C-alpha cells in the first residue's frame, strides 16, 4: 500500500484550510444560570448545593477544568455568596474566566476539606439537613468527607434539575452549535475525499481529526469512528487496520467540539459499488429518519419519535437489527439529556438540540446509520447538520 502522504488527495495544504473562530471565554458568564439554581435551592429549602461535574461547573461559571483526581466543586447557597473550589494550579484560569466570588484552592497532597470547611463556617453553614449533589459524579470518598462534616444531612440528587436548566439552548449556544455542526459537515467531506482503495480506517480517522484541529476545532466530541465493510455492522465499532475495498459500505460517525459545545453526525455510503440489499437498507434507514423528523415540533412526545422511526424499520423486515435508542441530547456534552427512546414521555420544547440516528446493523454483512443534529424551533425544527443524505457511491 502506498504511503498515506502520497496516496491521499492534497487536502492538507494550508491554502485549502478554512479556519473557524476559536477563543477562550467565548461564552460569557450568565448570572441567570446561577440564579436559577439558587432559586431552586430556596424553593426546595435545600441548605446548599455541591456541584462537582466539570461540565456543569463550566455551564455556570465559564471556568473549564479537568481536575483529574483533585477536588473541583462549586458550592451554591440560597442566600449567601457562592464558593468555587479548585486545585491551586487552576486559580489563575478561574479568575481569567471571570469568576469574581471567593475561590478556595486546594494544594496537592492536602485534605481539601481542611480548606473548604472554614469558608463554609464563615458563611454560617455549621450544619445542614439537605445538600444537593450530583450523585453520578460525586465520588464516594468525597461524599463521605462531606457527611463527616455535616453528619445527618440527606444528599439529594440534583442531576435532573440541573439537566432541565441546560436543555433549552439560548441564542449564543445555538450560534456556537451551528458552527460545530458545520465543522462536522466539513469533516465528512474531508473523509470522503481521502478514501482510496487500500487505505485503512485508522488512517482516515486520524486524517479527519488532524484536519479539523488544524481548522480550529477545540477537539473531537469522541473518538472518530471510521468503519469499512462488515465492520459497519458494529454500532460502536473502533477503527483499525481494515483496508478499504471496492463494494464496501463506509460509515463515518464523528463530532466536533467548538467553544465547548458538541456536534455529532453519522453518514454511510458505498465505495465504488454496492448490492441491492445494501441500497435497500440505506433507504430504509433514511425513511426512518425522515419519519421521526416529520414529528419534530414543540409538544410532541420524545417516545413518539422513536416509535415512528422504529416502525419504518420493522415494516421493512429489519426490526431486530435496530438495537439502540433513536438519539440523545447535545450541548456541552456529546451525550446529555434528553434520551430519545420509546419510553420517554417528556415533550419537545423550543431550543432543545438532540440527535436522530436510526440504524440497521447486520452481523457479517454490515450496516447503515444516518445521524443529524436537530434544533426544535417555535413551529417545527431546523437541521444543524447539512451533509448530503442522498444515497452515494464514492470513488
Protein backbone atom coordinates (compact mmCIF):
# COMPACT_ATOMS: atom_id res chain seq x y z
CA UNK A 1 0.00 0.00 0.00
CA UNK A 2 1.29 3.48 -0.84
CA UNK A 3 2.24 5.93 1.87
CA UNK A 4 -0.63 7.90 3.32
CA UNK A 5 1.11 11.11 2.32
CA UNK A 6 1.26 10.21 -1.35
CA UNK A 7 -1.99 8.27 -1.63
CA UNK A 8 -4.41 10.84 -0.25
CA UNK A 9 -5.55 13.84 -2.28
CA UNK A 10 -3.74 17.08 -1.37
CA UNK A 11 -6.43 18.31 1.03
CA UNK A 12 -3.99 19.20 3.79
CA UNK A 13 -2.41 22.19 2.05
CA UNK A 14 -2.60 25.33 4.16
CA UNK A 15 -4.17 27.37 1.38
CA UNK A 16 -7.13 24.97 1.44
CA UNK A 17 -7.73 25.23 5.19
CA UNK A 18 -10.78 27.12 6.42
CA UNK A 19 -10.17 28.41 9.94
CA UNK A 20 -13.04 28.68 12.40
CA UNK A 21 -13.13 31.28 15.18
CA UNK A 22 -12.00 29.85 18.48
CA UNK A 23 -11.04 31.66 21.65
CA UNK A 24 -11.11 31.31 25.40
CA UNK A 25 -14.02 32.74 27.34
CA UNK A 26 -16.33 32.61 24.33
CA UNK A 27 -19.48 32.06 26.40
CA UNK A 28 -19.77 34.89 28.94
CA UNK A 29 -20.86 34.01 32.45
CA UNK A 30 -24.64 34.17 32.53
CA UNK A 31 -25.67 35.11 36.07
CA UNK A 32 -29.19 33.91 35.30
CA UNK A 33 -27.81 30.38 35.21
CA UNK A 34 -26.52 30.58 38.77
CA UNK A 35 -29.65 32.43 39.84
CA UNK A 36 -31.81 29.59 38.50
CA UNK A 37 -30.04 27.07 40.72
CA UNK A 38 -30.22 29.39 43.72
CA UNK A 39 -33.94 29.86 43.13
CA UNK A 40 -34.40 26.09 43.14
CA UNK A 41 -32.48 25.78 46.43
CA UNK A 42 -34.75 28.38 48.01
CA UNK A 43 -37.92 26.79 46.67
CA UNK A 44 -36.96 23.33 47.92
CA UNK A 45 -35.45 24.64 51.20
CA UNK A 46 -32.10 23.00 50.47
CA UNK A 47 -29.21 24.19 52.65
CA UNK A 48 -26.69 24.23 49.81
CA UNK A 49 -25.62 22.50 46.62
CA UNK A 50 -22.24 20.98 45.85
CA UNK A 51 -21.77 20.74 42.09
CA UNK A 52 -18.82 18.61 41.01
CA UNK A 53 -19.14 17.77 37.31
CA UNK A 54 -16.68 19.86 35.25
CA UNK A 55 -19.32 20.31 32.54
CA UNK A 56 -21.93 21.71 34.90
CA UNK A 57 -19.39 23.97 36.58
CA UNK A 58 -18.37 25.30 33.17
CA UNK A 59 -22.00 25.96 32.30
CA UNK A 60 -22.49 28.00 35.47
CA UNK A 61 -19.13 29.77 35.73
CA UNK A 62 -17.44 29.72 32.29
CA UNK A 63 -14.48 28.03 34.03
CA UNK A 64 -13.49 24.78 32.35
CA UNK A 65 -11.20 22.47 34.29
CA UNK A 66 -10.29 18.79 34.21
CA UNK A 67 -9.28 18.21 37.85
CA UNK A 68 -8.29 14.56 37.41
CA UNK A 69 -8.10 13.21 40.98
CA UNK A 70 -8.07 16.69 42.53
CA UNK A 71 -11.09 18.41 44.13
CA UNK A 72 -13.22 20.63 41.93
CA UNK A 73 -16.51 21.89 43.29
CA UNK A 74 -18.97 24.76 43.19
CA UNK A 75 -20.94 25.49 46.38
CA UNK A 76 -24.17 27.43 45.89
CA UNK A 77 -26.36 28.70 48.74
CA UNK A 78 -29.91 30.07 48.93
CA UNK A 79 -28.83 33.40 50.44
CA UNK A 80 -25.02 33.53 50.55
CA UNK A 81 -22.20 34.19 48.11
CA UNK A 82 -21.15 31.16 46.05
CA UNK A 83 -17.84 29.41 46.61
CA UNK A 84 -15.63 27.85 43.94
CA UNK A 85 -13.11 25.20 45.00
CA UNK A 86 -10.33 24.25 42.59
CA UNK A 87 -6.76 22.96 42.54
CA UNK A 88 -4.21 25.62 43.41
CA UNK A 89 -2.66 25.49 39.95
CA UNK A 90 -6.03 26.40 38.36
CA UNK A 91 -6.81 29.57 40.35
CA UNK A 92 -5.49 31.98 37.73
CA UNK A 93 -7.56 30.38 34.98
CA UNK A 94 -10.67 30.56 37.14
CA UNK A 95 -10.15 34.30 37.58
CA UNK A 96 -9.45 34.72 33.88
CA UNK A 97 -12.76 33.02 33.15
CA UNK A 98 -14.50 35.79 35.07
CA UNK A 99 -15.23 34.18 38.43
CA UNK A 100 -15.48 37.13 40.85
CA UNK A 101 -16.63 35.43 44.06
CA UNK A 102 -14.47 33.55 46.57
CA UNK A 103 -12.11 30.82 45.40
CA UNK A 104 -10.73 28.22 47.79
CA UNK A 105 -7.65 26.50 46.45
CA UNK A 106 -6.55 23.00 47.41
CA UNK A 107 -2.80 22.27 47.41
CA UNK A 108 -1.74 18.85 46.19
CA UNK A 109 -1.45 16.25 48.92
CA UNK A 110 -3.66 18.01 51.46
CA UNK A 111 -7.17 17.12 52.60
CA UNK A 112 -9.36 19.58 50.64
CA UNK A 113 -11.93 19.74 53.43
CA UNK A 114 -9.34 21.48 55.62
CA UNK A 115 -9.53 24.38 53.16
CA UNK A 116 -13.26 24.17 52.41
CA UNK A 117 -14.90 23.85 55.83
CA UNK A 118 -13.60 27.18 57.23
CA UNK A 119 -15.18 29.01 54.29
CA UNK A 120 -18.47 27.19 54.86
CA UNK A 121 -18.38 28.04 58.57
CA UNK A 122 -17.64 31.67 57.71
CA UNK A 123 -20.96 31.66 55.86
CA UNK A 124 -22.71 30.30 58.94
CA UNK A 125 -23.07 26.80 57.48
CA UNK A 126 -22.32 24.73 60.61
CA UNK A 127 -24.99 22.12 59.99
CA UNK A 128 -27.25 21.02 57.15
CA UNK A 129 -30.38 18.96 56.71
CA UNK A 130 -30.42 18.73 52.91
CA UNK A 131 -27.50 19.01 50.49
CA UNK A 132 -27.99 18.80 46.73
CA UNK A 133 -25.24 16.88 44.93
CA UNK A 134 -24.65 15.25 41.56
CA UNK A 135 -24.74 11.64 42.64
CA UNK A 136 -23.46 10.49 39.25
CA UNK A 137 -20.22 12.45 39.56
CA UNK A 138 -19.60 12.79 43.32
CA UNK A 139 -17.12 10.06 44.31
CA UNK A 140 -17.95 8.04 47.41
CA UNK A 141 -14.83 9.33 49.15
CA UNK A 142 -15.94 12.95 48.59
CA UNK A 143 -19.47 12.16 49.79
CA UNK A 144 -18.06 10.55 52.93
CA UNK A 145 -15.92 13.61 53.57
CA UNK A 146 -18.92 15.89 53.14
CA UNK A 147 -21.06 13.85 55.54
CA UNK A 148 -18.24 13.68 58.06
CA UNK A 149 -18.50 17.45 58.43
CA UNK A 150 -22.29 17.55 58.05
CA UNK A 151 -23.48 14.36 59.76
CA UNK A 152 -27.15 13.57 59.46
CA UNK A 153 -27.59 15.55 56.24
CA UNK A 154 -29.57 13.97 53.42
CA UNK A 155 -27.92 14.03 50.00
CA UNK A 156 -30.42 14.91 47.28
CA UNK A 157 -29.85 14.09 43.60
CA UNK A 158 -29.56 17.32 41.60
CA UNK A 159 -28.89 15.83 38.16
CA UNK A 160 -32.42 16.02 36.79
CA UNK A 161 -32.92 19.63 37.85
CA UNK A 162 -29.54 20.74 36.51
CA UNK A 163 -30.21 18.95 33.21
CA UNK A 164 -33.51 20.78 32.85
CA UNK A 165 -31.75 24.13 33.22
CA UNK A 166 -29.42 23.24 30.34
CA UNK A 167 -31.84 21.58 27.94
CA UNK A 168 -33.14 24.72 26.19
CA UNK A 169 -30.27 26.42 24.42
CA UNK A 170 -30.09 30.20 24.24
CA UNK A 171 -29.24 32.21 21.13
CA UNK A 172 -25.50 32.23 21.78
CA UNK A 173 -25.40 28.50 22.41
CA UNK A 174 -27.31 27.82 19.19
CA UNK A 175 -24.88 30.01 17.22
CA UNK A 176 -21.93 28.04 18.58
CA UNK A 177 -23.58 24.67 17.97
CA UNK A 178 -24.43 25.70 14.42
CA UNK A 179 -20.74 26.26 13.72
CA UNK A 180 -19.86 22.95 15.40
CA UNK A 181 -22.32 21.22 13.07
CA UNK A 182 -20.89 22.99 10.03
CA UNK A 183 -17.45 21.77 11.03
CA UNK A 184 -18.80 18.23 11.31
CA UNK A 185 -20.21 18.54 7.79
CA UNK A 186 -16.78 19.59 6.56
CA UNK A 187 -15.16 16.66 8.36
CA UNK A 188 -17.41 14.26 6.43
CA UNK A 189 -16.33 15.89 3.16
CA UNK A 190 -12.66 15.62 4.13
CA UNK A 191 -13.02 11.94 4.96
CA UNK A 192 -14.84 11.15 1.73
CA UNK A 193 -12.23 12.95 -0.36
CA UNK A 194 -9.43 10.95 1.26
CA UNK A 195 -10.82 7.48 0.50
CA UNK A 196 -8.66 5.35 -1.77
CA UNK A 197 -8.65 1.60 -2.18
CA UNK A 198 -6.30 0.05 0.36
CA UNK A 199 -6.40 2.89 2.89
CA UNK A 200 -7.20 1.88 6.46
CA UNK A 201 -9.91 3.01 8.83
CA UNK A 202 -7.32 4.36 11.25
CA UNK A 203 -5.61 6.43 8.55
CA UNK A 204 -8.85 8.14 7.55
CA UNK A 205 -9.94 8.73 11.16
CA UNK A 206 -6.56 10.23 12.03
CA UNK A 207 -6.59 12.47 8.97
CA UNK A 208 -10.06 13.79 9.78
CA UNK A 209 -9.07 14.65 13.35
CA UNK A 210 -5.83 16.31 12.25
CA UNK A 211 -7.55 18.41 9.60
CA UNK A 212 -10.34 19.57 11.89
CA UNK A 213 -7.98 20.56 14.69
CA UNK A 214 -5.95 22.50 12.14
CA UNK A 215 -9.13 24.31 11.16
CA UNK A 216 -9.80 25.47 14.72
CA UNK A 217 -11.75 22.68 16.40
CA UNK A 218 -11.28 22.52 20.17
CA UNK A 219 -11.15 18.77 19.68
CA UNK A 220 -13.31 15.85 18.75
CA UNK A 221 -16.52 15.13 20.65
CA UNK A 222 -15.44 11.47 20.87
CA UNK A 223 -13.03 9.16 19.10
CA UNK A 224 -13.80 9.41 15.40
CA UNK A 225 -15.44 6.28 14.04
CA UNK A 226 -14.47 5.18 10.53
CA UNK A 227 -15.63 1.67 9.62
CA UNK A 228 -15.38 -0.31 6.39
CA UNK A 229 -17.28 -3.29 5.06
CA UNK A 230 -18.61 -5.81 7.55
CA UNK A 231 -17.40 -3.61 10.44
CA UNK A 232 -20.19 -1.12 9.67
CA UNK A 233 -22.43 -3.73 11.31
CA UNK A 234 -20.96 -2.78 14.70
CA UNK A 235 -22.92 0.17 16.15
CA UNK A 236 -19.88 1.26 18.19
CA UNK A 237 -17.02 -0.28 16.26
CA UNK A 238 -13.45 1.01 16.50
CA UNK A 239 -11.23 1.98 13.57
CA UNK A 240 -8.45 -0.46 12.88
CA UNK A 241 -6.27 -1.77 10.08
CA UNK A 242 -9.19 -2.94 7.94
CA UNK A 243 -8.37 -1.82 4.38
CA UNK A 244 -10.95 -0.30 2.05
CA UNK A 245 -12.11 -2.50 -0.82
CA UNK A 246 -14.45 -1.98 -3.74
CA UNK A 247 -18.00 -2.85 -2.72
CA UNK A 248 -17.52 -1.86 0.93
CA UNK A 249 -20.00 0.18 2.88
CA UNK A 250 -18.26 3.07 4.67
CA UNK A 251 -19.54 4.61 7.91
CA UNK A 252 -18.30 7.87 9.44
CA UNK A 253 -19.51 8.83 12.94
CA UNK A 254 -17.82 11.93 14.32
CA UNK A 255 -18.35 15.09 16.30
CA UNK A 256 -16.61 18.42 16.74
CA UNK A 257 -16.15 20.43 19.94
CA UNK A 258 -16.38 24.15 19.19
CA UNK A 259 -16.13 26.69 22.01
CA UNK A 260 -17.10 23.93 24.43
CA UNK A 261 -20.17 22.67 22.54
CA UNK A 262 -20.53 19.40 20.66
CA UNK A 263 -21.85 18.28 17.31
CA UNK A 264 -22.46 14.67 16.25
CA UNK A 265 -23.03 13.33 12.75
CA UNK A 266 -23.10 9.95 11.02
CA UNK A 267 -23.07 9.29 7.29
CA UNK A 268 -22.92 5.97 5.44
CA UNK A 269 -22.21 5.37 1.74
CA UNK A 270 -20.88 2.81 -0.67
CA UNK A 271 -17.40 2.63 -2.11
CA UNK A 272 -17.28 2.12 -5.91
CA UNK A 273 -20.21 -0.30 -5.96
CA UNK A 274 -22.96 -1.73 -3.80
CA UNK A 275 -25.50 -4.55 -3.72
CA UNK A 276 -29.29 -4.07 -3.99
CA UNK A 277 -29.56 -5.20 -0.36
CA UNK A 278 -27.14 -2.52 0.81
CA UNK A 279 -29.05 0.18 -1.03
CA UNK A 280 -32.37 -1.10 0.35
CA UNK A 281 -31.04 -0.94 3.89
CA UNK A 282 -29.83 2.60 3.31
CA UNK A 283 -33.16 3.85 2.01
CA UNK A 284 -34.95 2.15 4.90
CA UNK A 285 -32.79 3.97 7.45
CA UNK A 286 -33.23 7.27 5.62
CA UNK A 287 -37.02 6.80 5.61
CA UNK A 288 -36.90 6.09 9.35
CA UNK A 289 -35.01 9.32 9.99
CA UNK A 290 -37.47 11.27 7.86
CA UNK A 291 -40.43 9.74 9.72
CA UNK A 292 -39.02 10.97 13.02
CA UNK A 293 -38.21 14.42 11.64
CA UNK A 294 -41.79 14.78 10.41
CA UNK A 295 -42.93 14.77 14.06
CA UNK A 296 -40.37 17.28 15.34
CA UNK A 297 -42.18 20.26 16.82
CA UNK A 298 -42.90 21.55 20.34
CA UNK A 299 -45.37 19.49 22.33
CA UNK A 300 -44.63 16.13 20.73
CA UNK A 301 -43.63 13.25 22.99
CA UNK A 302 -40.00 12.10 22.58
CA UNK A 303 -41.10 8.49 22.66
CA UNK A 304 -43.24 9.06 19.57
CA UNK A 305 -40.14 9.93 17.52
CA UNK A 306 -38.53 6.62 18.41
CA UNK A 307 -41.75 4.73 17.69
CA UNK A 308 -42.17 6.34 14.26
CA UNK A 309 -38.62 5.57 13.15
CA UNK A 310 -38.67 2.06 14.57
CA UNK A 311 -41.96 1.26 12.82
CA UNK A 312 -40.44 2.06 9.42
CA UNK A 313 -37.54 -0.29 10.06
CA UNK A 314 -39.78 -3.03 11.42
CA UNK A 315 -42.13 -2.77 8.42
CA UNK A 316 -39.14 -3.31 6.13
CA UNK A 317 -38.24 -6.51 7.99
CA UNK A 318 -35.17 -5.20 9.81
CA UNK A 319 -36.64 -4.50 13.25
CA UNK A 320 -34.33 -6.83 15.17
CA UNK A 321 -31.30 -5.12 13.66
CA UNK A 322 -32.15 -1.69 15.11
CA UNK A 323 -30.60 -2.24 18.53
CA UNK A 324 -30.41 1.18 20.21
CA UNK A 325 -32.45 4.27 21.06
CA UNK A 326 -33.18 6.83 18.36
CA UNK A 327 -31.00 9.63 19.69
CA UNK A 328 -29.68 11.76 22.54
CA UNK A 329 -29.31 15.35 23.64
CA UNK A 330 -26.40 17.53 22.55
CA UNK A 331 -24.71 20.51 24.13
CA UNK A 332 -21.72 20.84 26.42
CA UNK A 333 -21.67 17.05 26.39
CA UNK A 334 -21.89 14.82 23.34
CA UNK A 335 -24.48 12.74 25.19
CA UNK A 336 -26.78 14.61 27.56
CA UNK A 337 -30.47 14.93 28.39
CA UNK A 338 -32.85 14.17 26.70
CA UNK A 339 -32.61 10.49 25.79
CA UNK A 340 -34.72 9.83 22.71
CA UNK A 341 -36.21 6.41 23.38
CA UNK A 342 -39.66 4.90 23.21
CA UNK A 343 -40.38 5.19 26.93
CA UNK A 344 -39.57 8.91 27.24
CA UNK A 345 -42.82 10.79 27.91
CA UNK A 346 -41.14 14.22 28.03
CA UNK A 347 -42.24 16.72 25.41
CA UNK A 348 -40.17 18.51 22.80
CA UNK A 349 -39.59 22.19 23.61
CA UNK A 350 -38.27 25.09 21.60
CA UNK A 351 -34.49 25.40 21.96
CA UNK A 352 -33.81 21.71 22.53
CA UNK A 353 -30.99 20.18 20.47
CA UNK A 354 -30.67 16.43 20.03
CA UNK A 355 -29.67 13.77 17.53
CA UNK A 356 -31.82 11.48 15.45
CA UNK A 357 -29.79 8.46 14.37
CA UNK A 358 -31.65 5.32 13.27
CA UNK A 359 -29.56 2.37 12.15
CA UNK A 360 -29.64 -1.18 10.86
CA UNK A 361 -26.72 -3.47 11.74
CA UNK A 362 -26.48 -6.97 10.26
CA UNK A 363 -23.62 -9.15 11.57
CA UNK A 364 -21.04 -10.15 8.95
CA UNK A 365 -22.83 -8.10 6.28
CA UNK A 366 -22.57 -4.54 7.52
CA UNK A 367 -24.84 -1.74 8.49
CA UNK A 368 -26.12 1.76 7.95
CA UNK A 369 -26.61 4.66 10.35
CA UNK A 370 -27.64 8.19 9.41
CA UNK A 371 -27.48 10.90 12.07
CA UNK A 372 -28.45 14.56 12.13
CA UNK A 373 -28.41 17.26 14.81
CA UNK A 374 -31.90 18.71 15.28
CA UNK A 375 -32.90 22.06 16.82
CA UNK A 376 -36.53 22.45 17.85
CA UNK A 377 -37.95 25.81 16.74
CA UNK A 378 -41.19 27.64 17.52
CA UNK A 379 -43.18 25.75 14.90
CA UNK A 380 -41.01 22.80 13.91
CA UNK A 381 -37.34 22.02 13.60
CA UNK A 382 -34.09 23.04 11.94
CA UNK A 383 -31.29 20.69 10.94
CA UNK A 384 -27.92 21.94 12.15
CA UNK A 385 -26.07 19.29 10.13
CA UNK A 386 -26.46 19.55 6.37
CA UNK A 387 -24.09 16.98 4.83
CA UNK A 388 -25.99 15.27 1.96
CA UNK A 389 -28.05 12.23 2.87
CA UNK A 390 -28.88 11.12 -0.66
CA UNK A 391 -27.50 7.62 -1.31
CA UNK A 392 -23.95 7.97 -2.61
CA UNK A 393 -21.35 5.74 -4.21
CA UNK A 394 -17.89 7.23 -3.60
CA UNK A 395 -14.88 6.53 -5.79
